[in-house]
PDB file of N, CA and C in Angstrom:
ATOM      1  N   MET A   1     110.122  94.675  89.312  1.00  0.00           N
ATOM      2  CA  MET A   1     109.136  93.780  88.741  1.00  0.00           C
ATOM      3  C   MET A   1     107.744  94.274  89.121  1.00  0.00           C
ATOM      4  N   LEU A   2     106.829  94.082  88.221  1.00  0.00           N
ATOM      5  CA  LEU A   2     105.456  94.502  88.460  1.00  0.00           C
ATOM      6  C   LEU A   2     104.545  93.289  88.607  1.00  0.00           C
ATOM      7  N   LEU A   3     103.558  93.427  89.455  1.00  0.00           N
ATOM      8  CA  LEU A   3     102.535  92.399  89.626  1.00  0.00           C
ATOM      9  C   LEU A   3     101.279  92.841  88.901  1.00  0.00           C
ATOM     10  N   ASN A   4     100.543  91.880  88.345  1.00  0.00           N
ATOM     11  CA  ASN A   4      99.267  92.199  87.719  1.00  0.00           C
ATOM     12  C   ASN A   4      98.124  91.613  88.549  1.00  0.00           C
ATOM     13  N   ALA A   5      96.919  91.748  88.075  1.00  0.00           N
ATOM     14  CA  ALA A   5      95.751  91.300  88.830  1.00  0.00           C
ATOM     15  C   ALA A   5      95.785  89.798  89.093  1.00  0.00           C
ATOM     16  N   SER A   6      96.244  89.023  88.123  1.00  0.00           N
ATOM     17  CA  SER A   6      96.325  87.568  88.314  1.00  0.00           C
ATOM     18  C   SER A   6      97.265  87.212  89.457  1.00  0.00           C
ATOM     19  N   ASP A   7      98.394  87.919  89.539  1.00  0.00           N
ATOM     20  CA  ASP A   7      99.341  87.684  90.631  1.00  0.00           C
ATOM     21  C   ASP A   7      98.694  87.987  91.979  1.00  0.00           C
ATOM     22  N   ILE A   8      98.002  89.122  92.074  1.00  0.00           N
ATOM     23  CA  ILE A   8      97.347  89.524  93.319  1.00  0.00           C
ATOM     24  C   ILE A   8      96.275  88.508  93.694  1.00  0.00           C
ATOM     25  N   MET A   9      95.533  88.026  92.689  1.00  0.00           N
ATOM     26  CA  MET A   9      94.504  87.015  92.940  1.00  0.00           C
ATOM     27  C   MET A   9      95.116  85.768  93.564  1.00  0.00           C
ATOM     28  N   ASN A  10      96.245  85.316  93.021  1.00  0.00           N
ATOM     29  CA  ASN A  10      96.912  84.113  93.543  1.00  0.00           C
ATOM     30  C   ASN A  10      97.489  84.327  94.937  1.00  0.00           C
ATOM     31  N   ILE A  11      98.069  85.470  95.164  1.00  0.00           N
ATOM     32  CA  ILE A  11      98.719  85.740  96.449  1.00  0.00           C
ATOM     33  C   ILE A  11      97.693  85.882  97.569  1.00  0.00           C
ATOM     34  N   LEU A  12      96.656  86.686  97.330  1.00  0.00           N
ATOM     35  CA  LEU A  12      95.692  86.993  98.388  1.00  0.00           C
ATOM     36  C   LEU A  12      94.428  86.139  98.346  1.00  0.00           C
ATOM     37  N   GLY A  13      94.219  85.436  97.253  1.00  0.00           N
ATOM     38  CA  GLY A  13      93.011  84.622  97.135  1.00  0.00           C
ATOM     39  C   GLY A  13      91.747  85.459  97.007  1.00  0.00           C
ATOM     40  N   VAL A  14      91.842  86.534  96.239  1.00  0.00           N
ATOM     41  CA  VAL A  14      90.700  87.434  96.062  1.00  0.00           C
ATOM     42  C   VAL A  14      90.197  87.340  94.618  1.00  0.00           C
ATOM     43  N   SER A  15      89.045  87.930  94.378  1.00  0.00           N
ATOM     44  CA  SER A  15      88.476  87.944  93.030  1.00  0.00           C
ATOM     45  C   SER A  15      89.247  88.913  92.142  1.00  0.00           C
ATOM     46  N   LYS A  16      88.984  88.821  90.853  1.00  0.00           N
ATOM     47  CA  LYS A  16      89.662  89.694  89.894  1.00  0.00           C
ATOM     48  C   LYS A  16      89.329  91.157  90.148  1.00  0.00           C
ATOM     49  N   SER A  17      88.060  91.450  90.430  1.00  0.00           N
ATOM     50  CA  SER A  17      87.673  92.843  90.682  1.00  0.00           C
ATOM     51  C   SER A  17      88.339  93.377  91.954  1.00  0.00           C
ATOM     52  N   SER A  18      88.455  92.536  92.963  1.00  0.00           N
ATOM     53  CA  SER A  18      89.138  92.950  94.198  1.00  0.00           C
ATOM     54  C   SER A  18      90.617  93.204  93.935  1.00  0.00           C
ATOM     55  N   ALA A  19      91.224  92.369  93.112  1.00  0.00           N
ATOM     56  CA  ALA A  19      92.644  92.538  92.781  1.00  0.00           C
ATOM     57  C   ALA A  19      92.870  93.870  92.072  1.00  0.00           C
ATOM     58  N   TYR A  20      91.988  94.202  91.127  1.00  0.00           N
ATOM     59  CA  TYR A  20      92.130  95.482  90.432  1.00  0.00           C
ATOM     60  C   TYR A  20      91.889  96.658  91.377  1.00  0.00           C
ATOM     61  N   ARG A  21      90.987  96.510  92.326  1.00  0.00           N
ATOM     62  CA  ARG A  21      90.737  97.567  93.312  1.00  0.00           C
ATOM     63  C   ARG A  21      91.971  97.781  94.181  1.00  0.00           C
ATOM     64  N   ILE A  22      92.607  96.697  94.589  1.00  0.00           N
ATOM     65  CA  ILE A  22      93.822  96.782  95.397  1.00  0.00           C
ATOM     66  C   ILE A  22      94.924  97.496  94.618  1.00  0.00           C
ATOM     67  N   ILE A  23      95.103  97.105  93.362  1.00  0.00           N
ATOM     68  CA  ILE A  23      96.113  97.748  92.522  1.00  0.00           C
ATOM     69  C   ILE A  23      95.819  99.236  92.378  1.00  0.00           C
ATOM     70  N   ASP A  24      94.562  99.570  92.127  1.00  0.00           N
ATOM     71  CA  ASP A  24      94.175 100.971  91.972  1.00  0.00           C
ATOM     72  C   ASP A  24      94.457 101.770  93.244  1.00  0.00           C
ATOM     73  N   ASP A  25      94.108 101.215  94.400  1.00  0.00           N
ATOM     74  CA  ASP A  25      94.352 101.900  95.675  1.00  0.00           C
ATOM     75  C   ASP A  25      95.846 102.125  95.908  1.00  0.00           C
ATOM     76  N   LEU A  26      96.653 101.106  95.637  1.00  0.00           N
ATOM     77  CA  LEU A  26      98.097 101.244  95.834  1.00  0.00           C
ATOM     78  C   LEU A  26      98.704 102.235  94.833  1.00  0.00           C
ATOM     79  N   ASN A  27      98.218 102.208  93.600  1.00  0.00           N
ATOM     80  CA  ASN A  27      98.715 103.168  92.612  1.00  0.00           C
ATOM     81  C   ASN A  27      98.363 104.602  93.002  1.00  0.00           C
ATOM     82  N   LYS A  28      97.207 104.801  93.622  1.00  0.00           N
ATOM     83  CA  LYS A  28      96.835 106.140  94.098  1.00  0.00           C
ATOM     84  C   LYS A  28      97.804 106.610  95.175  1.00  0.00           C
ATOM     85  N   LYS A  29      98.219 105.689  96.056  1.00  0.00           N
ATOM     86  CA  LYS A  29      99.209 106.041  97.086  1.00  0.00           C
ATOM     87  C   LYS A  29     100.526 106.451  96.432  1.00  0.00           C
ATOM     88  N   LEU A  30     100.939 105.683  95.434  1.00  0.00           N
ATOM     89  CA  LEU A  30     102.189 106.007  94.736  1.00  0.00           C
ATOM     90  C   LEU A  30     102.091 107.347  94.013  1.00  0.00           C
ATOM     91  N   ASP A  31     100.936 107.615  93.407  1.00  0.00           N
ATOM     92  CA  ASP A  31     100.733 108.910  92.736  1.00  0.00           C
ATOM     93  C   ASP A  31     100.906 110.072  93.708  1.00  0.00           C
ATOM     94  N   LYS A  32     100.342 109.922  94.906  1.00  0.00           N
ATOM     95  CA  LYS A  32     100.459 110.977  95.917  1.00  0.00           C
ATOM     96  C   LYS A  32     101.900 111.186  96.357  1.00  0.00           C
ATOM     97  N   LEU A  33     102.699 110.117  96.270  1.00  0.00           N
ATOM     98  CA  LEU A  33     104.113 110.213  96.632  1.00  0.00           C
ATOM     99  C   LEU A  33     104.963 110.736  95.476  1.00  0.00           C
ATOM    100  N   GLY A  34     104.325 110.955  94.324  1.00  0.00           N
ATOM    101  CA  GLY A  34     105.031 111.515  93.183  1.00  0.00           C
ATOM    102  C   GLY A  34     105.634 110.505  92.227  1.00  0.00           C
ATOM    103  N   TYR A  35     105.269 109.250  92.359  1.00  0.00           N
ATOM    104  CA  TYR A  35     105.792 108.215  91.478  1.00  0.00           C
ATOM    105  C   TYR A  35     104.887 108.019  90.268  1.00  0.00           C
ATOM    106  N   CYS A  36     105.483 107.603  89.161  1.00  0.00           N
ATOM    107  CA  CYS A  36     104.715 107.234  87.972  1.00  0.00           C
ATOM    108  C   CYS A  36     104.215 105.800  88.162  1.00  0.00           C
ATOM    109  N   THR A  37     103.036 105.525  87.650  1.00  0.00           N
ATOM    110  CA  THR A  37     102.458 104.194  87.802  1.00  0.00           C
ATOM    111  C   THR A  37     102.003 103.656  86.455  1.00  0.00           C
ATOM    112  N   VAL A  38     101.773 102.354  86.414  1.00  0.00           N
ATOM    113  CA  VAL A  38     101.251 101.687  85.227  1.00  0.00           C
ATOM    114  C   VAL A  38      99.877 101.150  85.596  1.00  0.00           C
ATOM    115  N   ARG A  39      98.878 101.551  84.835  1.00  0.00           N
ATOM    116  CA  ARG A  39      97.516 101.130  85.135  1.00  0.00           C
ATOM    117  C   ARG A  39      97.396  99.603  85.045  1.00  0.00           C
ATOM    118  N   GLY A  40      96.801  99.003  86.088  1.00  0.00           N
ATOM    119  CA  GLY A  40      96.597  97.558  86.113  1.00  0.00           C
ATOM    120  C   GLY A  40      97.771  96.762  86.619  1.00  0.00           C
ATOM    121  N   LYS A  41      98.846  97.461  87.036  1.00  0.00           N
ATOM    122  CA  LYS A  41     100.030  96.787  87.577  1.00  0.00           C
ATOM    123  C   LYS A  41     100.543  97.569  88.772  1.00  0.00           C
ATOM    124  N   ILE A  42     101.243  96.854  89.656  1.00  0.00           N
ATOM    125  CA  ILE A  42     101.780  97.490  90.854  1.00  0.00           C
ATOM    126  C   ILE A  42     103.182  96.958  91.115  1.00  0.00           C
ATOM    127  N   SER A  43     104.016  97.793  91.647  1.00  0.00           N
ATOM    128  CA  SER A  43     105.373  97.387  92.018  1.00  0.00           C
ATOM    129  C   SER A  43     105.299  96.251  93.032  1.00  0.00           C
ATOM    130  N   LYS A  44     106.057  95.199  92.767  1.00  0.00           N
ATOM    131  CA  LYS A  44     106.080  94.044  93.671  1.00  0.00           C
ATOM    132  C   LYS A  44     106.534  94.471  95.063  1.00  0.00           C
ATOM    133  N   LYS A  45     107.589  95.260  95.122  1.00  0.00           N
ATOM    134  CA  LYS A  45     108.133  95.716  96.403  1.00  0.00           C
ATOM    135  C   LYS A  45     107.097  96.525  97.180  1.00  0.00           C
ATOM    136  N   PHE A  46     106.440  97.466  96.502  1.00  0.00           N
ATOM    137  CA  PHE A  46     105.453  98.307  97.169  1.00  0.00           C
ATOM    138  C   PHE A  46     104.264  97.486  97.646  1.00  0.00           C
ATOM    139  N   PHE A  47     103.840  96.517  96.852  1.00  0.00           N
ATOM    140  CA  PHE A  47     102.735  95.645  97.250  1.00  0.00           C
ATOM    141  C   PHE A  47     103.074  94.892  98.531  1.00  0.00           C
ATOM    142  N   TYR A  48     104.241  94.235  98.548  1.00  0.00           N
ATOM    143  CA  TYR A  48     104.625  93.446  99.724  1.00  0.00           C
ATOM    144  C   TYR A  48     104.827  94.323 100.960  1.00  0.00           C
ATOM    145  N   GLU A  49     105.345  95.519 100.790  1.00  0.00           N
ATOM    146  CA  GLU A  49     105.509  96.429 101.924  1.00  0.00           C
ATOM    147  C   GLU A  49     104.159  96.831 102.514  1.00  0.00           C
ATOM    148  N   ASN A  50     103.182  97.025 101.673  1.00  0.00           N
ATOM    149  CA  ASN A  50     101.872  97.468 102.136  1.00  0.00           C
ATOM    150  C   ASN A  50     101.004  96.336 102.660  1.00  0.00           C
ATOM    151  N   TYR A  51     101.266  95.126 102.259  1.00  0.00           N
ATOM    152  CA  TYR A  51     100.489  93.987 102.747  1.00  0.00           C
ATOM    153  C   TYR A  51     101.267  93.128 103.733  1.00  0.00           C
ATOM    154  N   TYR A  52     102.476  93.556 104.070  1.00  0.00           N
ATOM    155  CA  TYR A  52     103.297  92.898 105.089  1.00  0.00           C
ATOM    156  C   TYR A  52     103.395  91.395 104.861  1.00  0.00           C
ATOM    157  N   LEU A  53     103.703  91.000 103.640  1.00  0.00           N
ATOM    158  CA  LEU A  53     103.850  89.590 103.306  1.00  0.00           C
ATOM    159  C   LEU A  53     105.317  89.192 103.386  1.00  0.00           C
ATOM    160  N   THR A  54     105.562  87.894 103.462  1.00  0.00           N
ATOM    161  CA  THR A  54     106.920  87.380 103.600  1.00  0.00           C
ATOM    162  C   THR A  54     107.455  86.884 102.261  1.00  0.00           C
ATOM    163  N   ARG A  55     108.686  86.463 102.266  1.00  0.00           N
ATOM    164  CA  ARG A  55     109.321  85.919 101.068  1.00  0.00           C
ATOM    165  C   ARG A  55     108.620  84.641 100.595  1.00  0.00           C
ATOM    166  N   LYS A  56     107.974  83.910 101.509  1.00  0.00           N
ATOM    167  CA  LYS A  56     107.277  82.681 101.133  1.00  0.00           C
ATOM    168  C   LYS A  56     106.240  82.979 100.058  1.00  0.00           C
ATOM    169  N   GLU A  57     105.466  84.032 100.239  1.00  0.00           N
ATOM    170  CA  GLU A  57     104.472  84.414  99.241  1.00  0.00           C
ATOM    171  C   GLU A  57     105.154  84.908  97.967  1.00  0.00           C
ATOM    172  N   ASP A  58     106.289  85.567  98.136  1.00  0.00           N
ATOM    173  CA  ASP A  58     107.045  86.064  96.996  1.00  0.00           C
ATOM    174  C   ASP A  58     107.470  84.893  96.114  1.00  0.00           C
ATOM    175  N   ASN A  59     107.930  83.829  96.709  1.00  0.00           N
ATOM    176  CA  ASN A  59     108.339  82.647  95.951  1.00  0.00           C
ATOM    177  C   ASN A  59     107.158  82.010  95.243  1.00  0.00           C
ATOM    178  N   TYR A  60     105.992  82.072  95.843  1.00  0.00           N
ATOM    179  CA  TYR A  60     104.797  81.492  95.236  1.00  0.00           C
ATOM    180  C   TYR A  60     104.510  82.147  93.888  1.00  0.00           C
ATOM    181  N   VAL A  61     104.603  83.451  93.821  1.00  0.00           N
ATOM    182  CA  VAL A  61     104.324  84.173  92.580  1.00  0.00           C
ATOM    183  C   VAL A  61     105.387  83.804  91.542  1.00  0.00           C
ATOM    184  N   SER A  62     106.638  83.712  91.946  1.00  0.00           N
ATOM    185  CA  SER A  62     107.712  83.381  91.011  1.00  0.00           C
ATOM    186  C   SER A  62     107.504  82.005  90.409  1.00  0.00           C
ATOM    187  N   LEU A  63     107.021  81.051  91.186  1.00  0.00           N
ATOM    188  CA  LEU A  63     106.805  79.696  90.702  1.00  0.00           C
ATOM    189  C   LEU A  63     105.639  79.607  89.733  1.00  0.00           C
ATOM    190  N   GLN A  64     104.698  80.535  89.847  1.00  0.00           N
ATOM    191  CA  GLN A  64     103.522  80.521  88.994  1.00  0.00           C
ATOM    192  C   GLN A  64     103.810  80.994  87.576  1.00  0.00           C
ATOM    193  N   ARG A  65     104.906  81.676  87.364  1.00  0.00           N
ATOM    194  CA  ARG A  65     105.218  82.229  86.037  1.00  0.00           C
ATOM    195  C   ARG A  65     105.971  81.272  85.180  1.00  0.00           C
TER     196      ARG A  65
END
């Protein structure tokens, strides 16, 4: 599953521009690791691994959809 800027905004409580910056930074990390990325979206798993969030936040995003 992929997260978009709106999801990041809800999870972290950041602005839209900050959410896109976070996605861009994480996608750059994935590019360096040799993975294909989608502009403006980030792997849910990779996001949570890099921000050390718990399942509680994961459930929050699921409820918002």
